[in-house]
Amino acid sequence: MTGHTAAHAWIARFVRPTAPIEVFREKPWATVLRVPHAGGTAWFKQCAPVQGFEPALTARLASRWPGRVAEVLAHDPQRAWLLMADAGELASASGDPARTWTDVLPGYAELQRGEATRVAEHLAAGVPDLRLATWPRHYDDLASRDLPLTAPELTRLRRHAARFTALCGELAASGIPDSIQHDDLHHGSVYRDGQRLRILDWGDASVSHPFASLVVTFRFLAEFHHLPPGDPVYGRLRDAYLEPWGHGRTDAFDIAVRAGGFARAFACARQRDALPASELPAFDLDFAVVLRRALAGAG
């Protein structure tokens, strides 16, 4: 991260550091600094252009949904700077992950329902446009790329295009509006402070079909918590998430998770385009997993 001196001076306008500010995490898409101060710890985040919308998005969500996202102490949209209060410990650090998701998902769904009326605002502020109507176009773009897949997998991807478009039509017919979609909703994004659960790290977010949110959640439950396919936990979490949306949404949810695996790939492709060549081999290891999971769910 460049401009540490300027960032430190900006941070000091809002909190008084009591010890040296430290680099906590540095990635191509964002740098996070830990800021010790008299009241505890604050966190500063500088986003790269590919995620430059995150500070303003987080501030908007915090103003409308206090207690469900990070508490924002300050933000600078022009410099893509964000200063947040400490949100507690990772929720996955203790307790049952399934219980954590059962607790957090209804509130997240309520946020999405509320933000569905703010789609134009989010798009105007630079949140990526992955609305359902754009999915077939994004699919065609994805299938034309040089992807980290085998030749037979690429052939399967291209042959699935017509079926994917049909699934998008079925999903559109369900009438669920586009909204904000976190798109990185895994155990590293949920923090607990007492009884309060907050969702952080909105840098992968887009305006998209809200039900695709659980694509990433289900992946991490399978890979990191070793839940086998068909485990009843998936159904319980689906139902907890759908409860605020009302009855009769299960079929739409199932389609959204199947098609949403590719929507996750669209988002990854966008981020891949912003990476330097030196970062691509490491990125493609995970990108290949995203693509193969999408193909596996295609049926």
Protein backbone atom coordinates (compact mmCIF):
# COMPACT_ATOMS: atom_id res chain seq x y z
CA MET A 1 0.00 0.00 0.00
CA THR A 2 1.32 3.46 -0.87
CA GLY A 3 0.62 6.63 1.04
CA HIS A 4 0.94 5.24 4.57
CA THR A 5 1.78 8.68 5.92
CA ALA A 6 -1.34 10.25 4.45
CA ALA A 7 -3.46 7.35 5.68
CA HIS A 8 -2.05 7.59 9.19
CA ALA A 9 -2.79 11.31 9.30
CA TRP A 10 -6.35 10.70 8.10
CA ILE A 11 -6.90 7.94 10.69
CA ALA A 12 -5.68 10.26 13.47
CA ARG A 13 -8.52 12.68 12.65
CA PHE A 14 -11.00 10.10 13.96
CA VAL A 15 -9.15 7.95 16.53
CA ARG A 16 -6.00 8.58 18.57
CA PRO A 17 -3.58 5.65 18.09
CA THR A 18 -1.93 4.46 21.30
CA ALA A 19 0.64 2.20 19.60
CA PRO A 20 2.12 1.86 16.12
CA ILE A 21 -0.36 1.23 13.32
CA GLU A 22 0.40 -2.16 11.75
CA VAL A 23 -0.27 -3.78 8.40
CA PHE A 24 -2.65 -6.60 9.24
CA ARG A 25 -3.27 -7.94 5.74
CA GLU A 26 -2.09 -6.93 2.28
CA LYS A 27 -3.73 -8.31 -0.85
CA PRO A 28 -3.87 -7.07 -4.44
CA TRP A 29 -7.46 -5.91 -3.90
CA ALA A 30 -7.13 -4.31 -0.45
CA THR A 31 -4.80 -3.51 2.43
CA VAL A 32 -5.97 -3.62 6.05
CA LEU A 33 -4.26 -1.79 8.93
CA ARG A 34 -4.76 -2.49 12.62
CA VAL A 35 -5.11 0.70 14.69
CA PRO A 36 -4.73 0.35 18.50
CA HIS A 37 -6.41 3.19 20.38
CA ALA A 38 -7.66 3.98 23.85
CA GLY A 39 -11.07 2.49 23.16
CA GLY A 40 -9.73 -0.78 21.73
CA THR A 41 -8.91 -1.44 18.09
CA ALA A 42 -10.02 0.19 14.86
CA TRP A 43 -9.46 -1.18 11.37
CA PHE A 44 -8.48 0.82 8.33
CA LYS A 45 -9.02 -0.56 4.83
CA GLN A 46 -7.76 0.83 1.55
CA CYS A 47 -9.39 -0.79 -1.46
CA ALA A 48 -7.88 -1.17 -4.90
CA PRO A 49 -9.94 0.22 -7.80
CA VAL A 50 -11.59 -3.14 -8.48
CA GLN A 51 -13.18 -2.91 -5.02
CA GLY A 52 -13.16 0.85 -4.73
CA PHE A 53 -16.93 0.95 -4.16
CA GLU A 54 -16.66 -0.92 -0.84
CA PRO A 55 -16.11 1.98 1.61
CA ALA A 56 -19.13 3.94 0.41
CA LEU A 57 -21.27 0.80 0.18
CA THR A 58 -20.33 -0.22 3.71
CA ALA A 59 -21.13 3.28 4.99
CA ARG A 60 -24.54 3.27 3.29
CA LEU A 61 -25.41 -0.15 4.69
CA ALA A 62 -24.18 0.82 8.16
CA SER A 63 -26.39 3.91 8.15
CA ARG A 64 -29.48 1.88 7.25
CA TRP A 65 -28.70 -1.42 9.01
CA PRO A 66 -26.73 -0.60 12.17
CA GLY A 67 -25.58 -3.67 14.03
CA ARG A 68 -25.67 -5.93 10.96
CA VAL A 69 -22.55 -4.66 9.21
CA ALA A 70 -19.38 -2.94 10.39
CA GLU A 71 -19.67 0.21 12.47
CA VAL A 72 -18.14 2.84 10.21
CA LEU A 73 -16.08 5.51 11.95
CA ALA A 74 -15.16 7.33 8.74
CA HIS A 75 -14.81 6.77 5.02
CA ASP A 76 -13.36 8.58 2.02
CA PRO A 77 -15.01 7.42 -1.23
CA GLN A 78 -12.52 9.24 -3.46
CA ARG A 79 -9.52 7.47 -1.93
CA ALA A 80 -11.46 4.25 -1.23
CA TRP A 81 -10.58 4.45 2.48
CA LEU A 82 -12.67 2.92 5.23
CA LEU A 83 -12.21 3.14 9.02
CA MET A 84 -14.23 0.70 11.12
CA ALA A 85 -14.71 -0.07 14.78
CA ASP A 86 -13.74 -3.52 15.98
CA ALA A 87 -16.50 -6.06 15.32
CA GLY A 88 -15.43 -8.68 17.85
CA GLU A 89 -14.14 -12.15 17.04
CA LEU A 90 -14.75 -14.30 14.03
CA ALA A 91 -18.02 -16.09 14.66
CA SER A 92 -16.41 -19.33 13.46
CA ALA A 93 -13.86 -19.14 16.27
CA SER A 94 -16.36 -20.58 18.71
CA GLY A 95 -19.60 -22.48 18.62
CA ASP A 96 -21.43 -24.40 15.93
CA PRO A 97 -21.07 -22.87 12.43
CA ALA A 98 -24.54 -24.09 11.45
CA ARG A 99 -26.04 -22.27 14.44
CA THR A 100 -24.12 -19.13 13.52
CA TRP A 101 -25.53 -19.17 9.99
CA THR A 102 -29.04 -19.88 11.29
CA ASP A 103 -28.71 -16.76 13.42
CA VAL A 104 -27.18 -14.44 10.82
CA LEU A 105 -28.99 -15.37 7.59
CA PRO A 106 -32.49 -14.03 8.40
CA GLY A 107 -31.06 -10.61 9.21
CA TYR A 108 -28.99 -10.66 6.05
CA ALA A 109 -32.09 -11.55 4.02
CA GLU A 110 -34.00 -8.67 5.62
CA LEU A 111 -31.17 -6.33 4.61
CA GLN A 112 -31.40 -7.60 1.04
CA ARG A 113 -35.16 -7.13 0.93
CA GLY A 114 -34.74 -3.57 2.11
CA GLU A 115 -31.90 -2.81 -0.29
CA ALA A 116 -33.88 -4.06 -3.30
CA THR A 117 -35.39 -0.59 -3.48
CA ARG A 118 -31.88 0.93 -3.65
CA VAL A 119 -30.57 -0.87 -6.73
CA ALA A 120 -30.25 2.30 -8.84
CA GLU A 121 -28.36 4.00 -5.99
CA HIS A 122 -25.89 1.14 -5.67
CA LEU A 123 -25.28 0.93 -9.41
CA ALA A 124 -24.73 4.69 -9.64
CA ALA A 125 -22.15 4.38 -6.83
CA GLY A 126 -20.14 1.81 -8.77
CA VAL A 127 -21.29 -1.48 -7.26
CA PRO A 128 -20.77 -4.10 -10.02
CA ASP A 129 -23.82 -4.85 -12.15
CA LEU A 130 -24.56 -8.58 -12.03
CA ARG A 131 -28.32 -8.28 -12.21
CA LEU A 132 -30.08 -11.46 -13.29
CA ALA A 133 -30.89 -10.02 -16.73
CA THR A 134 -27.15 -9.68 -17.42
CA TRP A 135 -26.28 -13.29 -16.56
CA PRO A 136 -26.64 -14.77 -20.08
CA ARG A 137 -24.37 -12.06 -21.50
CA HIS A 138 -21.82 -12.65 -18.77
CA TYR A 139 -22.03 -16.39 -19.45
CA ASP A 140 -21.18 -15.86 -23.12
CA ASP A 141 -18.22 -13.73 -22.08
CA LEU A 142 -17.05 -16.35 -19.60
CA ALA A 143 -17.28 -19.15 -22.17
CA SER A 144 -15.15 -17.13 -24.61
CA ARG A 145 -12.26 -16.73 -22.17
CA ASP A 146 -9.07 -18.66 -21.66
CA LEU A 147 -10.07 -20.40 -18.44
CA PRO A 148 -8.18 -22.72 -16.06
CA LEU A 149 -10.21 -25.75 -17.22
CA THR A 150 -9.52 -28.82 -19.30
CA ALA A 151 -10.68 -28.99 -22.92
CA PRO A 152 -13.60 -31.32 -22.07
CA GLU A 153 -14.67 -28.98 -19.26
CA LEU A 154 -14.60 -26.00 -21.61
CA THR A 155 -16.72 -27.92 -24.10
CA ARG A 156 -19.23 -28.73 -21.36
CA LEU A 157 -19.30 -25.10 -20.27
CA ARG A 158 -20.09 -23.90 -23.79
CA ARG A 159 -22.75 -26.53 -24.37
CA HIS A 160 -24.51 -25.52 -21.16
CA ALA A 161 -25.17 -21.96 -22.39
CA ALA A 162 -28.70 -22.56 -23.69
CA ARG A 163 -29.74 -24.40 -20.52
CA PHE A 164 -28.22 -21.64 -18.39
CA THR A 165 -30.26 -19.01 -20.23
CA ALA A 166 -33.39 -21.09 -19.68
CA LEU A 167 -32.65 -21.31 -15.95
CA CYS A 168 -32.27 -17.53 -15.83
CA GLY A 169 -35.71 -17.23 -17.40
CA GLU A 170 -37.20 -19.57 -14.81
CA LEU A 171 -35.56 -17.62 -12.02
CA ALA A 172 -36.79 -14.30 -13.39
CA ALA A 173 -40.34 -15.68 -13.47
CA SER A 174 -40.21 -16.16 -9.69
CA GLY A 175 -40.36 -12.38 -9.28
CA ILE A 176 -37.55 -11.97 -6.73
CA PRO A 177 -35.98 -8.53 -7.25
CA ASP A 178 -32.26 -7.93 -7.65
CA SER A 179 -30.54 -6.53 -4.60
CA ILE A 180 -27.17 -6.24 -2.95
CA GLN A 181 -25.40 -9.59 -2.86
CA HIS A 182 -22.35 -10.03 -0.62
CA ASP A 183 -20.89 -12.83 -2.79
CA ASP A 184 -18.22 -13.79 -0.26
CA LEU A 185 -20.46 -14.90 2.57
CA HIS A 186 -18.28 -17.45 4.36
CA HIS A 187 -17.05 -18.08 7.89
CA GLY A 188 -14.37 -15.38 7.59
CA SER A 189 -16.92 -12.63 6.95
CA VAL A 190 -19.12 -12.95 10.05
CA TYR A 191 -18.05 -11.48 13.39
CA ARG A 192 -19.59 -11.81 16.84
CA ASP A 193 -19.56 -9.19 19.56
CA GLY A 194 -21.57 -10.61 22.44
CA GLN A 195 -24.93 -11.55 20.96
CA ARG A 196 -24.49 -9.30 17.93
CA LEU A 197 -23.45 -10.75 14.57
CA ARG A 198 -22.07 -8.50 11.86
CA ILE A 199 -21.25 -9.20 8.21
CA LEU A 200 -18.04 -7.51 7.04
CA ASP A 201 -15.94 -7.36 3.87
CA TRP A 202 -18.32 -6.23 1.12
CA GLY A 203 -15.59 -5.85 -1.52
CA ASP A 204 -16.88 -8.79 -3.59
CA ALA A 205 -20.45 -7.51 -3.50
CA SER A 206 -22.58 -6.85 -6.56
CA VAL A 207 -26.13 -6.01 -7.48
CA SER A 208 -27.42 -9.44 -8.37
CA HIS A 209 -30.01 -12.06 -7.56
CA PRO A 210 -30.05 -12.17 -3.75
CA PHE A 211 -30.51 -15.95 -3.47
CA ALA A 212 -27.10 -16.55 -5.06
CA SER A 213 -25.58 -15.39 -1.76
CA LEU A 214 -25.48 -18.91 -0.35
CA VAL A 215 -23.37 -20.35 -3.18
CA VAL A 216 -20.23 -19.32 -1.30
CA THR A 217 -21.68 -20.20 2.10
CA PHE A 218 -22.48 -23.75 1.00
CA ARG A 219 -19.08 -24.16 -0.63
CA PHE A 220 -17.26 -23.27 2.58
CA LEU A 221 -19.49 -25.50 4.67
CA ALA A 222 -18.57 -28.38 2.37
CA GLU A 223 -14.85 -27.68 2.08
CA PHE A 224 -13.94 -26.31 5.50
CA HIS A 225 -16.58 -27.85 7.76
CA HIS A 226 -16.78 -31.10 5.78
CA LEU A 227 -20.56 -31.22 5.46
CA PRO A 228 -21.41 -33.94 2.91
CA PRO A 229 -23.89 -33.36 0.08
CA GLY A 230 -27.45 -33.81 1.27
CA ASP A 231 -26.65 -32.99 4.89
CA PRO A 232 -29.83 -31.65 6.56
CA VAL A 233 -27.92 -28.52 7.62
CA TYR A 234 -28.12 -27.16 4.07
CA GLY A 235 -31.89 -27.36 4.14
CA ARG A 236 -32.10 -25.74 7.56
CA LEU A 237 -29.94 -22.84 6.44
CA ARG A 238 -31.93 -22.46 3.23
CA ASP A 239 -35.14 -22.26 5.26
CA ALA A 240 -33.64 -19.77 7.74
CA TYR A 241 -32.54 -17.55 4.86
CA LEU A 242 -35.86 -17.81 3.01
CA GLU A 243 -38.06 -17.10 6.03
CA PRO A 244 -38.04 -13.30 5.54
CA TRP A 245 -38.83 -13.74 1.84
CA GLY A 246 -42.10 -15.58 2.50
CA HIS A 247 -43.44 -18.99 1.53
CA GLY A 248 -43.05 -20.78 -1.77
CA ARG A 249 -39.50 -19.71 -2.57
CA THR A 250 -37.71 -23.07 -2.36
CA ASP A 251 -37.77 -23.80 -6.09
CA ALA A 252 -36.43 -20.35 -6.92
CA PHE A 253 -33.71 -20.78 -4.32
CA ASP A 254 -32.62 -24.10 -5.80
CA ILE A 255 -32.40 -22.58 -9.29
CA ALA A 256 -30.50 -19.57 -7.94
CA VAL A 257 -27.90 -21.77 -6.27
CA ARG A 258 -27.44 -23.84 -9.46
CA ALA A 259 -27.17 -20.86 -11.77
CA GLY A 260 -25.50 -18.70 -9.14
CA GLY A 261 -22.40 -20.85 -9.22
CA PHE A 262 -21.72 -19.30 -12.60
CA ALA A 263 -22.58 -15.83 -11.31
CA ARG A 264 -19.81 -16.32 -8.76
CA ALA A 265 -17.51 -17.18 -11.67
CA PHE A 266 -18.53 -13.97 -13.45
CA ALA A 267 -17.46 -11.98 -10.40
CA CYS A 268 -14.18 -13.86 -10.19
CA ALA A 269 -13.47 -13.15 -13.86
CA ARG A 270 -13.94 -9.46 -13.22
CA GLN A 271 -11.48 -9.51 -10.35
CA ARG A 272 -9.05 -11.63 -12.35
CA ASP A 273 -8.98 -8.95 -15.05
CA ALA A 274 -7.68 -6.45 -12.49
CA LEU A 275 -4.78 -8.59 -11.24
CA PRO A 276 -1.15 -8.31 -12.33
CA ALA A 277 0.15 -11.29 -14.28
CA SER A 278 2.26 -12.40 -11.31
CA GLU A 279 -0.88 -13.00 -9.23
CA LEU A 280 -2.78 -15.04 -11.81
CA PRO A 281 -1.39 -18.53 -11.07
CA ALA A 282 -2.42 -18.37 -7.41
CA PHE A 283 -5.78 -16.81 -8.25
CA ASP A 284 -6.51 -19.44 -10.88
CA LEU A 285 -6.17 -22.26 -8.36
CA ASP A 286 -9.31 -21.04 -6.63
CA PHE A 287 -10.95 -19.83 -9.84
CA ALA A 288 -10.75 -23.36 -11.21
CA VAL A 289 -12.54 -24.64 -8.09
CA VAL A 290 -15.29 -22.03 -8.57
CA LEU A 291 -15.73 -23.04 -12.21
CA ARG A 292 -15.78 -26.76 -11.49
CA ARG A 293 -18.29 -26.37 -8.69
CA ALA A 294 -20.52 -24.40 -11.06
CA LEU A 295 -20.26 -27.14 -13.67
CA ALA A 296 -20.95 -29.82 -11.07
CA GLY A 297 -24.12 -28.01 -10.04
CA ALA A 298 -25.24 -27.56 -13.63
CA GLY A 299 -26.60 -31.10 -13.72
